[in-house]
Amino acid sequence: MTSKIKLNQDEVVNLMLHVPREKIDRVLKLLPKMKSPTIRKIAGENWFNVLTFCGKIDSRRLIPKLKGLGCEALIEFPGIKLTP
């Protein structure tokens, strides 16, 4: 998904997930290009924690693909406030 989209705050959700080190590049290419995600290495593990936001409709398509790439601990939560 390389399209940039404008969303209002009611259409946005946050996604947090754990990504295996060997899949991080593939996962980042899959995420919407609204802004760079926050990526943190999980201490003592070969995993990364990724936090990003996307449209509600996009999340429904993304979650099964992310699980298919081996991502774990996927959490979707509402966007509280989106400011331009």
Foldseek 3Di string as FASTA:
>chain_A
DEDADDDAQVFKKKKKWKAALVCVVVLQVLDYVNDHWDWDDDPPHRIIITMDMDTPVSCVVNPVVRVVNVIDPIDIGGRPHDDD
